[in-house]
Amino acid sequence: MSKETLFAVSLFPYLGFLWFLTRSKQTPRLALIGFYVLLIFVAVTIPAGIYAKQVYGEQLANVDWLHGSAESFLTLSNILVVLGFRQAVMRLRAQQGAEN
């Protein structure tokens, strides 16, 4: 199986993950937004990879400015997930402190 096929097939389990996460209503909102931003990363990476191949004759990873631009969406996604769960942990600690 090629890496492109594996990349495309992996989208379906991730969409299922998002569906369950959203439906559970237990995930911090900011973290959930971060998980959805990862879809933007995927949506940007595919055309960026095609562009790199067509214009530069290279893989996306070899075109630094294009690769870095696409990866910025992954970084944003990770930051939102971390901040969302951090916020939830801080809120939980504050509630526990108020109970004691």
PDB file of N, CA and C in Angstrom:
ATOM      1  N   MET A   1       0.850  -1.166   0.000  1.00  0.00           N
ATOM      2  CA  MET A   1       0.000   0.000   0.000  1.00  0.00           C
ATOM      3  C   MET A   1       0.899   1.234   0.000  1.00  0.00           C
ATOM      4  N   SER A   2       0.610   2.176  -0.883  1.00  0.00           N
ATOM      5  CA  SER A   2       1.426   3.381  -0.973  1.00  0.00           C
ATOM      6  C   SER A   2       1.126   4.321   0.193  1.00  0.00           C
ATOM      7  N   LYS A   3       2.041   5.226   0.448  1.00  0.00           N
ATOM      8  CA  LYS A   3       1.847   6.167   1.557  1.00  0.00           C
ATOM      9  C   LYS A   3       0.674   7.109   1.279  1.00  0.00           C
ATOM     10  N   GLU A   4       0.431   7.420   0.004  1.00  0.00           N
ATOM     11  CA  GLU A   4      -0.697   8.277  -0.345  1.00  0.00           C
ATOM     12  C   GLU A   4      -2.020   7.583  -0.042  1.00  0.00           C
ATOM     13  N   THR A   5      -2.099   6.297  -0.362  1.00  0.00           N
ATOM     14  CA  THR A   5      -3.309   5.520  -0.090  1.00  0.00           C
ATOM     15  C   THR A   5      -3.530   5.386   1.410  1.00  0.00           C
ATOM     16  N   LEU A   6      -2.461   5.109   2.136  1.00  0.00           N
ATOM     17  CA  LEU A   6      -2.561   4.993   3.586  1.00  0.00           C
ATOM     18  C   LEU A   6      -3.021   6.312   4.204  1.00  0.00           C
ATOM     19  N   PHE A   7      -2.490   7.413   3.694  1.00  0.00           N
ATOM     20  CA  PHE A   7      -2.877   8.741   4.162  1.00  0.00           C
ATOM     21  C   PHE A   7      -4.374   8.964   3.937  1.00  0.00           C
ATOM     22  N   ALA A   8      -4.869   8.615   2.756  1.00  0.00           N
ATOM     23  CA  ALA A   8      -6.283   8.807   2.438  1.00  0.00           C
ATOM     24  C   ALA A   8      -7.178   7.896   3.277  1.00  0.00           C
ATOM     25  N   VAL A   9      -6.778   6.660   3.448  1.00  0.00           N
ATOM     26  CA  VAL A   9      -7.569   5.701   4.221  1.00  0.00           C
ATOM     27  C   VAL A   9      -7.602   6.079   5.704  1.00  0.00           C
ATOM     28  N   SER A  10      -6.538   6.669   6.208  1.00  0.00           N
ATOM     29  CA  SER A  10      -6.481   7.035   7.623  1.00  0.00           C
ATOM     30  C   SER A  10      -7.449   8.157   7.972  1.00  0.00           C
ATOM     31  N   LEU A  11      -7.951   8.842   6.979  1.00  0.00           N
ATOM     32  CA  LEU A  11      -8.903   9.917   7.221  1.00  0.00           C
ATOM     33  C   LEU A  11     -10.217   9.388   7.801  1.00  0.00           C
ATOM     34  N   PHE A  12     -10.646   8.216   7.385  1.00  0.00           N
ATOM     35  CA  PHE A  12     -11.925   7.669   7.845  1.00  0.00           C
ATOM     36  C   PHE A  12     -11.944   7.340   9.342  1.00  0.00           C
ATOM     37  N   PRO A  13     -10.929   6.674   9.873  1.00  0.00           N
ATOM     38  CA  PRO A  13     -10.927   6.464  11.330  1.00  0.00           C
ATOM     39  C   PRO A  13     -10.867   7.789  12.091  1.00  0.00           C
ATOM     40  N   TYR A  14     -10.149   8.765  11.546  1.00  0.00           N
ATOM     41  CA  TYR A  14     -10.056  10.053  12.220  1.00  0.00           C
ATOM     42  C   TYR A  14     -11.409  10.759  12.233  1.00  0.00           C
ATOM     43  N   LEU A  15     -12.134  10.674  11.136  1.00  0.00           N
ATOM     44  CA  LEU A  15     -13.479  11.260  11.104  1.00  0.00           C
ATOM     45  C   LEU A  15     -14.392  10.568  12.114  1.00  0.00           C
ATOM     46  N   GLY A  16     -14.247   9.263  12.271  1.00  0.00           N
ATOM     47  CA  GLY A  16     -15.003   8.538  13.292  1.00  0.00           C
ATOM     48  C   GLY A  16     -14.627   8.999  14.691  1.00  0.00           C
ATOM     49  N   PHE A  17     -13.336   9.195  14.910  1.00  0.00           N
ATOM     50  CA  PHE A  17     -12.844   9.710  16.183  1.00  0.00           C
ATOM     51  C   PHE A  17     -13.477  11.071  16.487  1.00  0.00           C
ATOM     52  N   LEU A  18     -13.498  11.957  15.499  1.00  0.00           N
ATOM     53  CA  LEU A  18     -14.097  13.280  15.687  1.00  0.00           C
ATOM     54  C   LEU A  18     -15.590  13.177  15.974  1.00  0.00           C
ATOM     55  N   TRP A  19     -16.259  12.277  15.290  1.00  0.00           N
ATOM     56  CA  TRP A  19     -17.691  12.100  15.489  1.00  0.00           C
ATOM     57  C   TRP A  19     -17.984  11.671  16.931  1.00  0.00           C
ATOM     58  N   PHE A  20     -17.261  10.673  17.414  1.00  0.00           N
ATOM     59  CA  PHE A  20     -17.458  10.217  18.792  1.00  0.00           C
ATOM     60  C   PHE A  20     -17.070  11.292  19.814  1.00  0.00           C
ATOM     61  N   LEU A  21     -15.983  11.992  19.553  1.00  0.00           N
ATOM     62  CA  LEU A  21     -15.536  13.044  20.461  1.00  0.00           C
ATOM     63  C   LEU A  21     -16.575  14.159  20.556  1.00  0.00           C
ATOM     64  N   THR A  22     -17.104  14.540  19.424  1.00  0.00           N
ATOM     65  CA  THR A  22     -18.114  15.602  19.386  1.00  0.00           C
ATOM     66  C   THR A  22     -19.396  15.142  20.063  1.00  0.00           C
ATOM     67  N   ARG A  23     -19.792  13.933  19.777  1.00  0.00           N
ATOM     68  CA  ARG A  23     -21.043  13.397  20.316  1.00  0.00           C
ATOM     69  C   ARG A  23     -20.978  13.199  21.833  1.00  0.00           C
ATOM     70  N   SER A  24     -19.818  12.897  22.354  1.00  0.00           N
ATOM     71  CA  SER A  24     -19.692  12.635  23.785  1.00  0.00           C
ATOM     72  C   SER A  24     -19.900  13.898  24.620  1.00  0.00           C
ATOM     73  N   LYS A  25     -19.626  15.052  24.036  1.00  0.00           N
ATOM     74  CA  LYS A  25     -19.759  16.343  24.726  1.00  0.00           C
ATOM     75  C   LYS A  25     -18.910  16.409  26.003  1.00  0.00           C
ATOM     76  N   GLN A  26     -17.854  15.627  26.063  1.00  0.00           N
ATOM     77  CA  GLN A  26     -16.975  15.623  27.229  1.00  0.00           C
ATOM     78  C   GLN A  26     -15.605  16.229  26.929  1.00  0.00           C
ATOM     79  N   THR A  27     -15.344  16.507  25.685  1.00  0.00           N
ATOM     80  CA  THR A  27     -14.053  17.068  25.291  1.00  0.00           C
ATOM     81  C   THR A  27     -14.111  18.585  25.429  1.00  0.00           C
ATOM     82  N   PRO A  28     -13.090  19.182  26.023  1.00  0.00           N
ATOM     83  CA  PRO A  28     -13.067  20.641  26.114  1.00  0.00           C
ATOM     84  C   PRO A  28     -13.211  21.273  24.723  1.00  0.00           C
ATOM     85  N   ARG A  29     -14.001  22.333  24.653  1.00  0.00           N
ATOM     86  CA  ARG A  29     -14.314  22.950  23.360  1.00  0.00           C
ATOM     87  C   ARG A  29     -13.063  23.354  22.577  1.00  0.00           C
ATOM     88  N   LEU A  30     -12.114  23.998  23.235  1.00  0.00           N
ATOM     89  CA  LEU A  30     -10.908  24.446  22.546  1.00  0.00           C
ATOM     90  C   LEU A  30     -10.102  23.255  22.012  1.00  0.00           C
ATOM     91  N   ALA A  31     -10.031  22.182  22.770  1.00  0.00           N
ATOM     92  CA  ALA A  31      -9.328  20.980  22.310  1.00  0.00           C
ATOM     93  C   ALA A  31     -10.050  20.369  21.115  1.00  0.00           C
ATOM     94  N   LEU A  32     -11.374  20.353  21.166  1.00  0.00           N
ATOM     95  CA  LEU A  32     -12.157  19.816  20.049  1.00  0.00           C
ATOM     96  C   LEU A  32     -11.918  20.637  18.780  1.00  0.00           C
ATOM     97  N   ILE A  33     -11.863  21.951  18.937  1.00  0.00           N
ATOM     98  CA  ILE A  33     -11.550  22.812  17.792  1.00  0.00           C
ATOM     99  C   ILE A  33     -10.166  22.460  17.250  1.00  0.00           C
ATOM    100  N   GLY A  34      -9.222  22.222  18.133  1.00  0.00           N
ATOM    101  CA  GLY A  34      -7.878  21.827  17.710  1.00  0.00           C
ATOM    102  C   GLY A  34      -7.875  20.543  16.905  1.00  0.00           C
ATOM    103  N   PHE A  35      -8.684  19.568  17.336  1.00  0.00           N
ATOM    104  CA  PHE A  35      -8.773  18.315  16.579  1.00  0.00           C
ATOM    105  C   PHE A  35      -9.383  18.552  15.195  1.00  0.00           C
ATOM    106  N   TYR A  36     -10.326  19.475  15.112  1.00  0.00           N
ATOM    107  CA  TYR A  36     -10.914  19.800  13.805  1.00  0.00           C
ATOM    108  C   TYR A  36      -9.944  20.583  12.925  1.00  0.00           C
ATOM    109  N   VAL A  37      -9.100  21.421  13.523  1.00  0.00           N
ATOM    110  CA  VAL A  37      -8.106  22.169  12.751  1.00  0.00           C
ATOM    111  C   VAL A  37      -7.135  21.215  12.063  1.00  0.00           C
ATOM    112  N   LEU A  38      -6.956  20.036  12.632  1.00  0.00           N
ATOM    113  CA  LEU A  38      -6.096  19.046  11.983  1.00  0.00           C
ATOM    114  C   LEU A  38      -6.627  18.690  10.589  1.00  0.00           C
ATOM    115  N   LEU A  39      -7.935  18.767  10.414  1.00  0.00           N
ATOM    116  CA  LEU A  39      -8.514  18.534   9.075  1.00  0.00           C
ATOM    117  C   LEU A  39      -8.079  19.624   8.099  1.00  0.00           C
ATOM    118  N   ILE A  40      -7.917  20.851   8.602  1.00  0.00           N
ATOM    119  CA  ILE A  40      -7.420  21.934   7.742  1.00  0.00           C
ATOM    120  C   ILE A  40      -5.995  21.626   7.312  1.00  0.00           C
ATOM    121  N   PHE A  41      -5.206  21.104   8.251  1.00  0.00           N
ATOM    122  CA  PHE A  41      -3.837  20.697   7.915  1.00  0.00           C
ATOM    123  C   PHE A  41      -3.848  19.675   6.767  1.00  0.00           C
ATOM    124  N   VAL A  42      -4.726  18.703   6.866  1.00  0.00           N
ATOM    125  CA  VAL A  42      -4.827  17.685   5.813  1.00  0.00           C
ATOM    126  C   VAL A  42      -5.260  18.331   4.505  1.00  0.00           C
ATOM    127  N   ALA A  43      -6.268  19.203   4.585  1.00  0.00           N
ATOM    128  CA  ALA A  43      -6.792  19.854   3.378  1.00  0.00           C
ATOM    129  C   ALA A  43      -5.744  20.747   2.716  1.00  0.00           C
ATOM    130  N   VAL A  44      -4.842  21.332   3.491  1.00  0.00           N
ATOM    131  CA  VAL A  44      -3.793  22.190   2.938  1.00  0.00           C
ATOM    132  C   VAL A  44      -2.622  21.356   2.420  1.00  0.00           C
ATOM    133  N   THR A  45      -2.309  20.279   3.104  1.00  0.00           N
ATOM    134  CA  THR A  45      -1.147  19.470   2.753  1.00  0.00           C
ATOM    135  C   THR A  45      -1.295  18.790   1.393  1.00  0.00           C
ATOM    136  N   ILE A  46      -2.475  18.323   1.083  1.00  0.00           N
ATOM    137  CA  ILE A  46      -2.674  17.603  -0.188  1.00  0.00           C
ATOM    138  C   ILE A  46      -2.400  18.510  -1.392  1.00  0.00           C
ATOM    139  N   PRO A  47      -3.060  19.674  -1.499  1.00  0.00           N
ATOM    140  CA  PRO A  47      -2.734  20.522  -2.655  1.00  0.00           C
ATOM    141  C   PRO A  47      -1.301  21.059  -2.618  1.00  0.00           C
ATOM    142  N   ALA A  48      -0.756  21.284  -1.422  1.00  0.00           N
ATOM    143  CA  ALA A  48       0.629  21.749  -1.321  1.00  0.00           C
ATOM    144  C   ALA A  48       1.587  20.687  -1.866  1.00  0.00           C
ATOM    145  N   GLY A  49       1.292  19.426  -1.577  1.00  0.00           N
ATOM    146  CA  GLY A  49       2.114  18.333  -2.106  1.00  0.00           C
ATOM    147  C   GLY A  49       2.029  18.241  -3.617  1.00  0.00           C
ATOM    148  N   ILE A  50       0.831  18.427  -4.136  1.00  0.00           N
ATOM    149  CA  ILE A  50       0.648  18.401  -5.602  1.00  0.00           C
ATOM    150  C   ILE A  50       1.396  19.570  -6.241  1.00  0.00           C
ATOM    151  N   TYR A  51       1.274  20.733  -5.636  1.00  0.00           N
ATOM    152  CA  TYR A  51       1.963  21.925  -6.140  1.00  0.00           C
ATOM    153  C   TYR A  51       3.478  21.720  -6.138  1.00  0.00           C
ATOM    154  N   ALA A  52       4.003  21.183  -5.054  1.00  0.00           N
ATOM    155  CA  ALA A  52       5.445  20.935  -4.960  1.00  0.00           C
ATOM    156  C   ALA A  52       5.912  20.003  -6.066  1.00  0.00           C
ATOM    157  N   LYS A  53       5.117  18.987  -6.337  1.00  0.00           N
ATOM    158  CA  LYS A  53       5.484  18.014  -7.374  1.00  0.00           C
ATOM    159  C   LYS A  53       5.412  18.638  -8.766  1.00  0.00           C
ATOM    160  N   GLN A  54       4.342  19.408  -9.026  1.00  0.00           N
ATOM    161  CA  GLN A  54       4.144  19.991 -10.352  1.00  0.00           C
ATOM    162  C   GLN A  54       5.130  21.124 -10.653  1.00  0.00           C
ATOM    163  N   VAL A  55       5.325  22.008  -9.693  1.00  0.00           N
ATOM    164  CA  VAL A  55       6.143  23.199  -9.934  1.00  0.00           C
ATOM    165  C   VAL A  55       7.629  22.947  -9.712  1.00  0.00           C
ATOM    166  N   TYR A  56       7.963  22.220  -8.635  1.00  0.00           N
ATOM    167  CA  TYR A  56       9.370  22.019  -8.281  1.00  0.00           C
ATOM    168  C   TYR A  56       9.895  20.632  -8.618  1.00  0.00           C
ATOM    169  N   GLY A  57       8.998  19.715  -8.946  1.00  0.00           N
ATOM    170  CA  GLY A  57       9.431  18.354  -9.226  1.00  0.00           C
ATOM    171  C   GLY A  57       9.969  17.658  -7.992  1.00  0.00           C
ATOM    172  N   GLU A  58       9.523  18.084  -6.822  1.00  0.00           N
ATOM    173  CA  GLU A  58      10.003  17.565  -5.544  1.00  0.00           C
ATOM    174  C   GLU A  58       8.831  17.140  -4.667  1.00  0.00           C
ATOM    175  N   GLN A  59       9.154  16.348  -3.655  1.00  0.00           N
ATOM    176  CA  GLN A  59       8.163  16.041  -2.639  1.00  0.00           C
ATOM    177  C   GLN A  59       7.975  17.267  -1.763  1.00  0.00           C
ATOM    178  N   LEU A  60       6.822  17.351  -1.128  1.00  0.00           N
ATOM    179  CA  LEU A  60       6.516  18.496  -0.275  1.00  0.00           C
ATOM    180  C   LEU A  60       7.591  18.721   0.787  1.00  0.00           C
ATOM    181  N   ALA A  61       8.093  17.646   1.367  1.00  0.00           N
ATOM    182  CA  ALA A  61       9.096  17.758   2.438  1.00  0.00           C
ATOM    183  C   ALA A  61      10.384  18.429   1.969  1.00  0.00           C
ATOM    184  N   ASN A  62      10.613  18.469   0.666  1.00  0.00           N
ATOM    185  CA  ASN A  62      11.843  19.060   0.134  1.00  0.00           C
ATOM    186  C   ASN A  62      11.691  20.519  -0.282  1.00  0.00           C
ATOM    187  N   VAL A  63      10.493  21.068  -0.167  1.00  0.00           N
ATOM    188  CA  VAL A  63      10.256  22.480  -0.505  1.00  0.00           C
ATOM    189  C   VAL A  63       9.961  23.193   0.809  1.00  0.00           C
ATOM    190  N   ASP A  64      11.002  23.728   1.402  1.00  0.00           N
ATOM    191  CA  ASP A  64      10.925  24.219   2.779  1.00  0.00           C
ATOM    192  C   ASP A  64       9.810  25.224   3.029  1.00  0.00           C
ATOM    193  N   TRP A  65       9.698  26.249   2.199  1.00  0.00           N
ATOM    194  CA  TRP A  65       8.705  27.288   2.470  1.00  0.00           C
ATOM    195  C   TRP A  65       7.291  26.734   2.393  1.00  0.00           C
ATOM    196  N   LEU A  66       7.065  25.826   1.475  1.00  0.00           N
ATOM    197  CA  LEU A  66       5.740  25.236   1.300  1.00  0.00           C
ATOM    198  C   LEU A  66       5.443  24.232   2.413  1.00  0.00           C
ATOM    199  N   HIS A  67       6.432  23.436   2.741  1.00  0.00           N
ATOM    200  CA  HIS A  67       6.279  22.447   3.803  1.00  0.00           C
ATOM    201  C   HIS A  67       6.052  23.133   5.148  1.00  0.00           C
ATOM    202  N   GLY A  68       6.832  24.165   5.422  1.00  0.00           N
ATOM    203  CA  GLY A  68       6.679  24.908   6.671  1.00  0.00           C
ATOM    204  C   GLY A  68       5.326  25.574   6.782  1.00  0.00           C
ATOM    205  N   SER A  69       4.838  26.104   5.677  1.00  0.00           N
ATOM    206  CA  SER A  69       3.515  26.739   5.675  1.00  0.00           C
ATOM    207  C   SER A  69       2.420  25.719   5.981  1.00  0.00           C
ATOM    208  N   ALA A  70       2.500  24.563   5.372  1.00  0.00           N
ATOM    209  CA  ALA A  70       1.503  23.515   5.629  1.00  0.00           C
ATOM    210  C   ALA A  70       1.603  23.025   7.076  1.00  0.00           C
ATOM    211  N   GLU A  71       2.824  22.839   7.554  1.00  0.00           N
ATOM    212  CA  GLU A  71       3.030  22.340   8.915  1.00  0.00           C
ATOM    213  C   GLU A  71       2.553  23.320   9.985  1.00  0.00           C
ATOM    214  N   SER A  72       2.447  24.594   9.633  1.00  0.00           N
ATOM    215  CA  SER A  72       1.970  25.579  10.614  1.00  0.00           C
ATOM    216  C   SER A  72       0.553  25.252  11.072  1.00  0.00           C
ATOM    217  N   PHE A  73      -0.243  24.641  10.203  1.00  0.00           N
ATOM    218  CA  PHE A  73      -1.593  24.234  10.603  1.00  0.00           C
ATOM    219  C   PHE A  73      -1.554  23.074  11.598  1.00  0.00           C
ATOM    220  N   LEU A  74      -0.583  22.204  11.458  1.00  0.00           N
ATOM    221  CA  LEU A  74      -0.403  21.119  12.426  1.00  0.00           C
ATOM    222  C   LEU A  74       0.013  21.699  13.777  1.00  0.00           C
ATOM    223  N   THR A  75       0.908  22.666  13.744  1.00  0.00           N
ATOM    224  CA  THR A  75       1.337  23.319  14.981  1.00  0.00           C
ATOM    225  C   THR A  75       0.168  24.012  15.663  1.00  0.00           C
ATOM    226  N   LEU A  76      -0.631  24.732  14.897  1.00  0.00           N
ATOM    227  CA  LEU A  76      -1.808  25.406  15.453  1.00  0.00           C
ATOM    228  C   LEU A  76      -2.767  24.398  16.077  1.00  0.00           C
ATOM    229  N   SER A  77      -2.980  23.291  15.393  1.00  0.00           N
ATOM    230  CA  SER A  77      -3.851  22.236  15.911  1.00  0.00           C
ATOM    231  C   SER A  77      -3.342  21.719  17.252  1.00  0.00           C
ATOM    232  N   ASN A  78      -2.054  21.429  17.325  1.00  0.00           N
ATOM    233  CA  ASN A  78      -1.467  20.918  18.571  1.00  0.00           C
ATOM    234  C   ASN A  78      -1.586  21.924  19.707  1.00  0.00           C
ATOM    235  N   ILE A  79      -1.354  23.185  19.415  1.00  0.00           N
ATOM    236  CA  ILE A  79      -1.454  24.227  20.443  1.00  0.00           C
ATOM    237  C   ILE A  79      -2.871  24.313  20.983  1.00  0.00           C
ATOM    238  N   LEU A  80      -3.859  24.283  20.092  1.00  0.00           N
ATOM    239  CA  LEU A  80      -5.255  24.370  20.529  1.00  0.00           C
ATOM    240  C   LEU A  80      -5.655  23.168  21.388  1.00  0.00           C
ATOM    241  N   VAL A  81      -5.208  21.985  21.013  1.00  0.00           N
ATOM    242  CA  VAL A  81      -5.523  20.783  21.795  1.00  0.00           C
ATOM    243  C   VAL A  81      -4.915  20.893  23.192  1.00  0.00           C
ATOM    244  N   VAL A  82      -3.653  21.266  23.260  1.00  0.00           N
ATOM    245  CA  VAL A  82      -2.978  21.381  24.560  1.00  0.00           C
ATOM    246  C   VAL A  82      -3.633  22.456  25.420  1.00  0.00           C
ATOM    247  N   LEU A  83      -3.895  23.617  24.846  1.00  0.00           N
ATOM    248  CA  LEU A  83      -4.521  24.693  25.619  1.00  0.00           C
ATOM    249  C   LEU A  83      -5.923  24.314  26.086  1.00  0.00           C
ATOM    250  N   GLY A  84      -6.652  23.596  25.247  1.00  0.00           N
ATOM    251  CA  GLY A  84      -7.995  23.160  25.622  1.00  0.00           C
ATOM    252  C   GLY A  84      -7.980  22.216  26.812  1.00  0.00           C
ATOM    253  N   PHE A  85      -7.090  21.234  26.792  1.00  0.00           N
ATOM    254  CA  PHE A  85      -7.014  20.303  27.919  1.00  0.00           C
ATOM    255  C   PHE A  85      -6.395  20.960  29.151  1.00  0.00           C
ATOM    256  N   ARG A  86      -5.463  21.865  28.945  1.00  0.00           N
ATOM    257  CA  ARG A  86      -4.893  22.615  30.078  1.00  0.00           C
ATOM    258  C   ARG A  86      -5.982  23.416  30.778  1.00  0.00           C
ATOM    259  N   GLN A  87      -6.797  24.082  29.982  1.00  0.00           N
ATOM    260  CA  GLN A  87      -7.895  24.864  30.529  1.00  0.00           C
ATOM    261  C   GLN A  87      -8.859  23.986  31.329  1.00  0.00           C
ATOM    262  N   ALA A  88      -9.148  22.805  30.819  1.00  0.00           N
ATOM    263  CA  ALA A  88     -10.051  21.881  31.508  1.00  0.00           C
ATOM    264  C   ALA A  88      -9.448  21.399  32.820  1.00  0.00           C
ATOM    265  N   VAL A  89      -8.155  21.095  32.817  1.00  0.00           N
ATOM    266  CA  VAL A  89      -7.484  20.641  34.038  1.00  0.00           C
ATOM    267  C   VAL A  89      -7.479  21.754  35.084  1.00  0.00           C
ATOM    268  N   MET A  90      -7.199  22.968  34.655  1.00  0.00           N
ATOM    269  CA  MET A  90      -7.188  24.097  35.595  1.00  0.00           C
ATOM    270  C   MET A  90      -8.585  24.339  36.177  1.00  0.00           C
ATOM    271  N   ARG A  91      -9.606  24.210  35.352  1.00  0.00           N
ATOM    272  CA  ARG A  91     -10.978  24.378  35.823  1.00  0.00           C
ATOM    273  C   ARG A  91     -11.342  23.298  36.840  1.00  0.00           C
ATOM    274  N   LEU A  92     -10.941  22.064  36.565  1.00  0.00           N
ATOM    275  CA  LEU A  92     -11.216  20.959  37.483  1.00  0.00           C
ATOM    276  C   LEU A  92     -10.503  21.155  38.817  1.00  0.00           C
ATOM    277  N   ARG A  93      -9.254  21.586  38.758  1.00  0.00           N
ATOM    278  CA  ARG A  93      -8.501  21.850  39.991  1.00  0.00           C
ATOM    279  C   ARG A  93      -9.145  22.965  40.815  1.00  0.00           C
ATOM    280  N   ALA A  94      -9.636  23.990  40.138  1.00  0.00           N
ATOM    281  CA  ALA A  94     -10.283  25.095  40.831  1.00  0.00           C
ATOM    282  C   ALA A  94     -11.573  24.623  41.515  1.00  0.00           C
ATOM    283  N   GLN A  95     -12.315  23.753  40.841  1.00  0.00           N
ATOM    284  CA  GLN A  95     -13.542  23.217  41.425  1.00  0.00           C
ATOM    285  C   GLN A  95     -13.235  22.352  42.633  1.00  0.00           C
ATOM    286  N   GLN A  96     -12.194  21.533  42.525  1.00  0.00           N
ATOM    287  CA  GLN A  96     -11.809  20.669  43.639  1.00  0.00           C
ATOM    288  C   GLN A  96     -11.303  21.489  44.815  1.00  0.00           C
ATOM    289  N   GLY A  97     -10.596  22.573  44.528  1.00  0.00           N
ATOM    290  CA  GLY A  97     -10.109  23.449  45.584  1.00  0.00           C
ATOM    291  C   GLY A  97     -11.240  24.168  46.289  1.00  0.00           C
ATOM    292  N   ALA A  98     -12.286  24.509  45.564  1.00  0.00           N
ATOM    293  CA  ALA A  98     -13.431  25.190  46.153  1.00  0.00           C
ATOM    294  C   ALA A  98     -14.248  24.254  47.024  1.00  0.00           C
ATOM    295  N   GLU A  99     -14.229  22.963  46.709  1.00  0.00           N
ATOM    296  CA  GLU A  99     -14.979  21.968  47.489  1.00  0.00           C
ATOM    297  C   GLU A  99     -14.283  21.659  48.814  1.00  0.00           C
ATOM    298  N   ASN A 100     -12.970  21.822  48.866  1.00  0.00           N
ATOM    299  CA  ASN A 100     -12.217  21.463  50.089  1.00  0.00           C
ATOM    300  C   ASN A 100     -12.140  22.583  51.048  1.00  0.00           C
TER     301      ASN A 100
END
